[in-house]
PDB file of N, CA and C in Angstrom:
ATOM      1  N   MET A   1      93.609  64.643 120.169  1.00  0.00           N
ATOM      2  CA  MET A   1      94.625  64.321 119.495  1.00  0.00           C
ATOM      3  C   MET A   1      95.732  64.678 121.263  1.00  0.00           C
ATOM      4  N   ILE A   2      96.644  63.689 121.548  1.00  0.00           N
ATOM      5  CA  ILE A   2      97.523  64.236 122.339  1.00  0.00           C
ATOM      6  C   ILE A   2      98.792  64.990 122.186  1.00  0.00           C
ATOM      7  N   PRO A   3      99.148  66.117 123.118  1.00  0.00           N
ATOM      8  CA  PRO A   3      99.559  66.863 123.050  1.00  0.00           C
ATOM      9  C   PRO A   3     100.976  66.958 122.308  1.00  0.00           C
ATOM     10  N   HIS A   4     101.918  65.790 122.782  1.00  0.00           N
ATOM     11  CA  HIS A   4     102.568  66.106 122.407  1.00  0.00           C
ATOM     12  C   HIS A   4     102.849  65.140 120.891  1.00  0.00           C
ATOM     13  N   ASN A   5     101.781  64.006 120.382  1.00  0.00           N
ATOM     14  CA  ASN A   5     101.380  63.501 119.328  1.00  0.00           C
ATOM     15  C   ASN A   5     101.129  64.847 118.007  1.00  0.00           C
ATOM     16  N   LEU A   6     100.520  65.821 118.479  1.00  0.00           N
ATOM     17  CA  LEU A   6     100.389  67.508 117.338  1.00  0.00           C
ATOM     18  C   LEU A   6     101.468  67.859 117.560  1.00  0.00           C
ATOM     19  N   LEU A   7     102.946  67.650 118.421  1.00  0.00           N
ATOM     20  CA  LEU A   7     104.125  68.729 118.365  1.00  0.00           C
ATOM     21  C   LEU A   7     105.198  67.996 117.097  1.00  0.00           C
ATOM     22  N   ALA A   8     104.930  66.776 117.736  1.00  0.00           N
ATOM     23  CA  ALA A   8     105.676  66.296 116.932  1.00  0.00           C
ATOM     24  C   ALA A   8     104.991  65.700 115.321  1.00  0.00           C
ATOM     25  N   LEU A   9     104.120  65.443 114.853  1.00  0.00           N
ATOM     26  CA  LEU A   9     103.051  65.877 113.561  1.00  0.00           C
ATOM     27  C   LEU A   9     103.740  66.921 113.116  1.00  0.00           C
ATOM     28  N   ASP A  10     103.648  68.462 114.160  1.00  0.00           N
ATOM     29  CA  ASP A  10     104.054  69.801 113.523  1.00  0.00           C
ATOM     30  C   ASP A  10     105.541  70.494 113.323  1.00  0.00           C
ATOM     31  N   ARG A  11     106.156  69.473 113.852  1.00  0.00           N
ATOM     32  CA  ARG A  11     107.721  68.941 113.337  1.00  0.00           C
ATOM     33  C   ARG A  11     108.120  68.562 112.360  1.00  0.00           C
ATOM     34  N   LEU A  12     106.922  67.664 112.440  1.00  0.00           N
ATOM     35  CA  LEU A  12     107.373  66.241 110.423  1.00  0.00           C
ATOM     36  C   LEU A  12     107.165  67.372 109.872  1.00  0.00           C
ATOM     37  N   SER A  13     105.819  67.594 109.450  1.00  0.00           N
ATOM     38  CA  SER A  13     105.477  68.725 109.064  1.00  0.00           C
ATOM     39  C   SER A  13     106.395  69.364 108.698  1.00  0.00           C
ATOM     40  N   LEU A  14     107.709  71.110 109.386  1.00  0.00           N
ATOM     41  CA  LEU A  14     108.208  71.232 109.399  1.00  0.00           C
ATOM     42  C   LEU A  14     109.368  70.942 108.303  1.00  0.00           C
ATOM     43  N   PHE A  15     110.045  70.072 109.730  1.00  0.00           N
ATOM     44  CA  PHE A  15     110.963  69.354 108.535  1.00  0.00           C
ATOM     45  C   PHE A  15     110.628  69.118 106.686  1.00  0.00           C
ATOM     46  N   CYS A  16     109.467  68.071 106.441  1.00  0.00           N
ATOM     47  CA  CYS A  16     108.802  68.435 105.389  1.00  0.00           C
ATOM     48  C   CYS A  16     108.667  69.318 104.118  1.00  0.00           C
ATOM     49  N   HIS A  17     108.216  70.314 105.295  1.00  0.00           N
ATOM     50  CA  HIS A  17     108.321  71.562 104.080  1.00  0.00           C
ATOM     51  C   HIS A  17     109.435  72.220 103.782  1.00  0.00           C
ATOM     52  N   PHE A  18     110.363  72.174 105.023  1.00  0.00           N
ATOM     53  CA  PHE A  18     111.843  72.744 104.597  1.00  0.00           C
ATOM     54  C   PHE A  18     113.223  71.572 103.271  1.00  0.00           C
ATOM     55  N   GLY A  19     112.422  70.563 103.699  1.00  0.00           N
ATOM     56  CA  GLY A  19     113.209  68.885 102.953  1.00  0.00           C
ATOM     57  C   GLY A  19     113.150  69.265 101.376  1.00  0.00           C
ATOM     58  N   GLY A  20     110.887  69.382 101.216  1.00  0.00           N
ATOM     59  CA  GLY A  20     110.834  69.272  99.852  1.00  0.00           C
ATOM     60  C   GLY A  20     111.455  70.431  99.226  1.00  0.00           C
ATOM     61  N   LEU A  21     111.164  72.738  99.702  1.00  0.00           N
ATOM     62  CA  LEU A  21     111.953  73.015  99.570  1.00  0.00           C
ATOM     63  C   LEU A  21     113.212  72.856  99.036  1.00  0.00           C
ATOM     64  N   PHE A  22     113.919  72.762  99.766  1.00  0.00           N
ATOM     65  CA  PHE A  22     115.118  72.086  99.421  1.00  0.00           C
ATOM     66  C   PHE A  22     115.339  71.219  98.424  1.00  0.00           C
ATOM     67  N   THR A  23     115.393  70.710  98.276  1.00  0.00           N
ATOM     68  CA  THR A  23     114.651  69.030  96.949  1.00  0.00           C
ATOM     69  C   THR A  23     114.382  69.596  95.895  1.00  0.00           C
ATOM     70  N   VAL A  24     113.030  70.432  95.737  1.00  0.00           N
ATOM     71  CA  VAL A  24     112.788  71.237  94.642  1.00  0.00           C
ATOM     72  C   VAL A  24     113.468  72.327  94.498  1.00  0.00           C
ATOM     73  N   PHE A  25     114.740  72.770  94.876  1.00  0.00           N
ATOM     74  CA  PHE A  25     115.714  74.038  94.345  1.00  0.00           C
ATOM     75  C   PHE A  25     116.292  72.794  94.138  1.00  0.00           C
ATOM     76  N   ILE A  26     116.846  71.740  94.575  1.00  0.00           N
ATOM     77  CA  ILE A  26     118.490  71.510  93.917  1.00  0.00           C
ATOM     78  C   ILE A  26     117.691  70.496  92.568  1.00  0.00           C
ATOM     79  N   GLY A  27     116.221  70.350  92.394  1.00  0.00           N
ATOM     80  CA  GLY A  27     116.625  69.770  91.257  1.00  0.00           C
ATOM     81  C   GLY A  27     116.347  70.424  89.813  1.00  0.00           C
ATOM     82  N   LEU A  28     115.433  71.345  90.500  1.00  0.00           N
ATOM     83  CA  LEU A  28     115.525  73.085  89.759  1.00  0.00           C
ATOM     84  C   LEU A  28     116.631  73.307  89.037  1.00  0.00           C
ATOM     85  N   VAL A  29     118.121  73.058  89.973  1.00  0.00           N
ATOM     86  CA  VAL A  29     119.559  73.996  89.215  1.00  0.00           C
ATOM     87  C   VAL A  29     119.652  73.014  89.027  1.00  0.00           C
ATOM     88  N   LEU A  30     120.045  70.907  89.009  1.00  0.00           N
ATOM     89  CA  LEU A  30     120.487  70.094  88.481  1.00  0.00           C
ATOM     90  C   LEU A  30     119.194  70.048  87.146  1.00  0.00           C
ATOM     91  N   THR A  31     118.451  70.643  86.974  1.00  0.00           N
ATOM     92  CA  THR A  31     118.264  70.646  85.197  1.00  0.00           C
ATOM     93  C   THR A  31     117.914  71.919  84.717  1.00  0.00           C
ATOM     94  N   MET A  32     118.639  73.063  85.562  1.00  0.00           N
ATOM     95  CA  MET A  32     119.090  74.149  84.451  1.00  0.00           C
ATOM     96  C   MET A  32     120.520  73.814  83.653  1.00  0.00           C
ATOM     97  N   PHE A  33     121.251  72.927  84.656  1.00  0.00           N
ATOM     98  CA  PHE A  33     122.207  72.608  84.562  1.00  0.00           C
ATOM     99  C   PHE A  33     122.937  71.666  82.832  1.00  0.00           C
ATOM    100  N   ASN A  34     122.115  70.998  83.474  1.00  0.00           N
ATOM    101  CA  ASN A  34     122.116  70.179  82.202  1.00  0.00           C
ATOM    102  C   ASN A  34     121.154  70.471  80.748  1.00  0.00           C
ATOM    103  N   LEU A  35     120.253  71.596  81.187  1.00  0.00           N
ATOM    104  CA  LEU A  35     120.071  71.931  80.290  1.00  0.00           C
ATOM    105  C   LEU A  35     121.125  73.018  79.257  1.00  0.00           C
ATOM    106  N   ILE A  36     121.699  73.710  80.264  1.00  0.00           N
ATOM    107  CA  ILE A  36     122.400  74.976  79.834  1.00  0.00           C
ATOM    108  C   ILE A  36     124.026  73.966  79.266  1.00  0.00           C
ATOM    109  N   ASN A  37     124.556  72.635  79.521  1.00  0.00           N
ATOM    110  CA  ASN A  37     125.496  72.061  79.046  1.00  0.00           C
ATOM    111  C   ASN A  37     125.126  71.311  77.987  1.00  0.00           C
ATOM    112  N   GLY A  38     123.802  70.784  77.719  1.00  0.00           N
ATOM    113  CA  GLY A  38     123.071  70.187  76.821  1.00  0.00           C
ATOM    114  C   GLY A  38     123.402  68.877  76.637  1.00  0.00           C
ATOM    115  N   ASP A  39     123.108  68.586  78.170  1.00  0.00           N
ATOM    116  CA  ASP A  39     123.418  67.132  78.282  1.00  0.00           C
ATOM    117  C   ASP A  39     122.121  66.289  78.626  1.00  0.00           C
ATOM    118  N   PHE A  40     121.389  66.487  77.870  1.00  0.00           N
ATOM    119  CA  PHE A  40     120.011  66.285  77.284  1.00  0.00           C
ATOM    120  C   PHE A  40     119.600  64.707  78.486  1.00  0.00           C
ATOM    121  N   THR A  41     120.553  63.735  77.989  1.00  0.00           N
ATOM    122  CA  THR A  41     120.167  62.142  78.515  1.00  0.00           C
ATOM    123  C   THR A  41     120.226  62.398  80.051  1.00  0.00           C
ATOM    124  N   ASP A  42     120.841  63.198  80.830  1.00  0.00           N
ATOM    125  CA  ASP A  42     120.139  63.405  82.465  1.00  0.00           C
ATOM    126  C   ASP A  42     119.106  64.370  83.127  1.00  0.00           C
ATOM    127  N   ILE A  43     118.960  65.042  82.269  1.00  0.00           N
ATOM    128  CA  ILE A  43     117.543  66.323  82.737  1.00  0.00           C
ATOM    129  C   ILE A  43     116.277  65.433  82.967  1.00  0.00           C
ATOM    130  N   GLN A  44     116.245  63.810  83.131  1.00  0.00           N
ATOM    131  CA  GLN A  44     115.607  63.124  83.749  1.00  0.00           C
ATOM    132  C   GLN A  44     115.639  62.953  85.252  1.00  0.00           C
ATOM    133  N   VAL A  45     116.693  62.615  85.871  1.00  0.00           N
ATOM    134  CA  VAL A  45     117.366  62.848  87.139  1.00  0.00           C
ATOM    135  C   VAL A  45     116.825  63.919  87.828  1.00  0.00           C
ATOM    136  N   GLY A  46     117.155  65.487  87.683  1.00  0.00           N
ATOM    137  CA  GLY A  46     116.335  66.357  87.573  1.00  0.00           C
ATOM    138  C   GLY A  46     115.347  66.205  87.991  1.00  0.00           C
ATOM    139  N   ILE A  47     114.463  66.149  87.135  1.00  0.00           N
ATOM    140  CA  ILE A  47     113.102  65.820  87.042  1.00  0.00           C
ATOM    141  C   ILE A  47     112.981  64.987  87.825  1.00  0.00           C
ATOM    142  N   TYR A  48     113.679  64.361  88.064  1.00  0.00           N
ATOM    143  CA  TYR A  48     112.929  63.283  89.341  1.00  0.00           C
ATOM    144  C   TYR A  48     112.690  64.032  90.628  1.00  0.00           C
ATOM    145  N   ILE A  49     114.114  64.220  91.114  1.00  0.00           N
ATOM    146  CA  ILE A  49     115.057  64.723  92.214  1.00  0.00           C
ATOM    147  C   ILE A  49     113.443  66.075  92.495  1.00  0.00           C
ATOM    148  N   PHE A  50     113.079  67.307  91.752  1.00  0.00           N
ATOM    149  CA  PHE A  50     112.294  68.051  91.513  1.00  0.00           C
ATOM    150  C   PHE A  50     110.415  67.471  91.969  1.00  0.00           C
ATOM    151  N   ALA A  51     110.625  66.446  91.360  1.00  0.00           N
ATOM    152  CA  ALA A  51     109.273  66.169  91.006  1.00  0.00           C
ATOM    153  C   ALA A  51     109.153  65.469  93.097  1.00  0.00           C
ATOM    154  N   MET A  52     110.109  64.273  93.365  1.00  0.00           N
ATOM    155  CA  MET A  52     110.624  63.587  94.880  1.00  0.00           C
ATOM    156  C   MET A  52     110.101  65.144  95.891  1.00  0.00           C
ATOM    157  N   GLY A  53     110.827  66.097  95.412  1.00  0.00           N
ATOM    158  CA  GLY A  53     110.805  66.998  96.503  1.00  0.00           C
ATOM    159  C   GLY A  53     109.147  68.274  96.800  1.00  0.00           C
ATOM    160  N   TYR A  54     108.598  68.337  94.924  1.00  0.00           N
ATOM    161  CA  TYR A  54     107.323  68.899  95.226  1.00  0.00           C
ATOM    162  C   TYR A  54     106.321  67.092  96.199  1.00  0.00           C
ATOM    163  N   ALA A  55     106.492  66.360  96.106  1.00  0.00           N
ATOM    164  CA  ALA A  55     105.837  65.337  96.335  1.00  0.00           C
ATOM    165  C   ALA A  55     105.797  65.469  98.459  1.00  0.00           C
ATOM    166  N   LEU A  56     107.476  64.901  98.737  1.00  0.00           N
ATOM    167  CA  LEU A  56     108.162  65.922  99.911  1.00  0.00           C
ATOM    168  C   LEU A  56     106.932  67.406 100.707  1.00  0.00           C
ATOM    169  N   PHE A  57     107.147  67.848  99.469  1.00  0.00           N
ATOM    170  CA  PHE A  57     106.718  69.734 100.156  1.00  0.00           C
ATOM    171  C   PHE A  57     104.784  69.183 100.245  1.00  0.00           C
ATOM    172  N   LYS A  58     104.537  68.512  99.147  1.00  0.00           N
ATOM    173  CA  LYS A  58     102.780  68.248 100.009  1.00  0.00           C
ATOM    174  C   LYS A  58     102.420  67.750 101.274  1.00  0.00           C
ATOM    175  N   VAL A  59     103.357  66.696 101.744  1.00  0.00           N
ATOM    176  CA  VAL A  59     103.012  65.231 101.757  1.00  0.00           C
ATOM    177  C   VAL A  59     103.057  67.068 103.442  1.00  0.00           C
ATOM    178  N   GLY A  60     104.175  67.521 103.175  1.00  0.00           N
ATOM    179  CA  GLY A  60     104.486  68.861 104.692  1.00  0.00           C
ATOM    180  C   GLY A  60     102.907  68.984 104.777  1.00  0.00           C
ATOM    181  N   ALA A  61     102.837  69.726 103.572  1.00  0.00           N
ATOM    182  CA  ALA A  61     100.733  70.762 103.853  1.00  0.00           C
ATOM    183  C   ALA A  61     100.338  70.320 104.330  1.00  0.00           C
ATOM    184  N   ARG A  62      99.670  68.513 103.987  1.00  0.00           N
ATOM    185  CA  ARG A  62      98.524  68.225 104.206  1.00  0.00           C
ATOM    186  C   ARG A  62      99.329  67.718 106.549  1.00  0.00           C
ATOM    187  N   LEU A  63     100.022  67.011 105.868  1.00  0.00           N
ATOM    188  CA  LEU A  63      99.905  67.264 108.184  1.00  0.00           C
ATOM    189  C   LEU A  63     100.167  68.496 108.790  1.00  0.00           C
ATOM    190  N   ALA A  64     100.643  70.186 107.856  1.00  0.00           N
ATOM    191  CA  ALA A  64     100.391  71.255 108.648  1.00  0.00           C
ATOM    192  C   ALA A  64      98.960  71.168 108.845  1.00  0.00           C
ATOM    193  N   GLN A  65      98.054  70.991 107.740  1.00  0.00           N
ATOM    194  CA  GLN A  65      96.537  71.041 107.570  1.00  0.00           C
ATOM    195  C   GLN A  65      96.106  70.142 109.126  1.00  0.00           C
ATOM    196  N   ILE A  66      96.538  68.756 109.019  1.00  0.00           N
ATOM    197  CA  ILE A  66      96.080  68.019 109.931  1.00  0.00           C
ATOM    198  C   ILE A  66      96.323  68.258 111.633  1.00  0.00           C
ATOM    199  N   VAL A  67      97.290  69.610 111.550  1.00  0.00           N
ATOM    200  CA  VAL A  67      97.391  70.070 113.073  1.00  0.00           C
ATOM    201  C   VAL A  67      96.640  70.932 113.481  1.00  0.00           C
ATOM    202  N   THR A  68      96.399  71.759 111.815  1.00  0.00           N
ATOM    203  CA  THR A  68      95.708  73.029 112.425  1.00  0.00           C
ATOM    204  C   THR A  68      94.448  72.585 113.152  1.00  0.00           C
ATOM    205  N   GLU A  69      94.007  71.012 112.257  1.00  0.00           N
ATOM    206  CA  GLU A  69      92.278  71.513 112.401  1.00  0.00           C
ATOM    207  C   GLU A  69      92.393  70.106 113.759  1.00  0.00           C
ATOM    208  N   GLU A  70      93.193  69.700 113.886  1.00  0.00           N
ATOM    209  CA  GLU A  70      92.963  68.838 115.614  1.00  0.00           C
ATOM    210  C   GLU A  70      93.873  70.145 116.338  1.00  0.00           C
ATOM    211  N   LYS A  71      93.980  71.192 116.091  1.00  0.00           N
ATOM    212  CA  LYS A  71      94.350  71.956 117.188  1.00  0.00           C
ATOM    213  C   LYS A  71      93.504  72.273 117.670  1.00  0.00           C
ATOM    214  N   ALA A  72      92.467  72.516 116.500  1.00  0.00           N
ATOM    215  CA  ALA A  72      90.720  73.762 116.783  1.00  0.00           C
ATOM    216  C   ALA A  72      90.030  73.088 117.035  1.00  0.00           C
ATOM    217  N   LYS A  73      90.100  71.586 116.442  1.00  0.00           N
ATOM    218  CA  LYS A  73      88.916  70.676 117.357  1.00  0.00           C
ATOM    219  C   LYS A  73      89.192  70.545 119.050  1.00  0.00           C
ATOM    220  N   SER A  74      90.459  70.567 119.280  1.00  0.00           N
ATOM    221  CA  SER A  74      90.794  70.369 120.359  1.00  0.00           C
ATOM    222  C   SER A  74      89.972  71.804 121.220  1.00  0.00           C
ATOM    223  N   ASN A  75      90.964  72.640 121.131  1.00  0.00           N
ATOM    224  CA  ASN A  75      90.364  74.025 121.739  1.00  0.00           C
ATOM    225  C   ASN A  75      88.696  74.291 122.054  1.00  0.00           C
ATOM    226  N   LEU A  76      88.092  73.695 121.126  1.00  0.00           N
ATOM    227  CA  LEU A  76      86.721  74.011 120.805  1.00  0.00           C
ATOM    228  C   LEU A  76      85.913  72.753 122.191  1.00  0.00           C
ATOM    229  N   LEU A  77      86.385  71.404 122.447  1.00  0.00           N
ATOM    230  CA  LEU A  77      86.870  70.909 123.553  1.00  0.00           C
ATOM    231  C   LEU A  77      86.374  70.879 125.363  1.00  0.00           C
TER     232      LEU A  77
END
């Protein structure tokens, strides 16, 4: 793989990790606030935000795995 493409994937992976962690945190906080306030009709919004953050985090993890494999493969050649 071309080195600048690996760098772009690595940066995208980092963005997905941090963005996912931030979104997971916001989803959990929103869900806890809704539970504390007894507003059970809006809990789904917090759960949805949490799930989207988790999915973004998992995308970042997969991208990091791909970058690691490509770096290892390029060093072997």
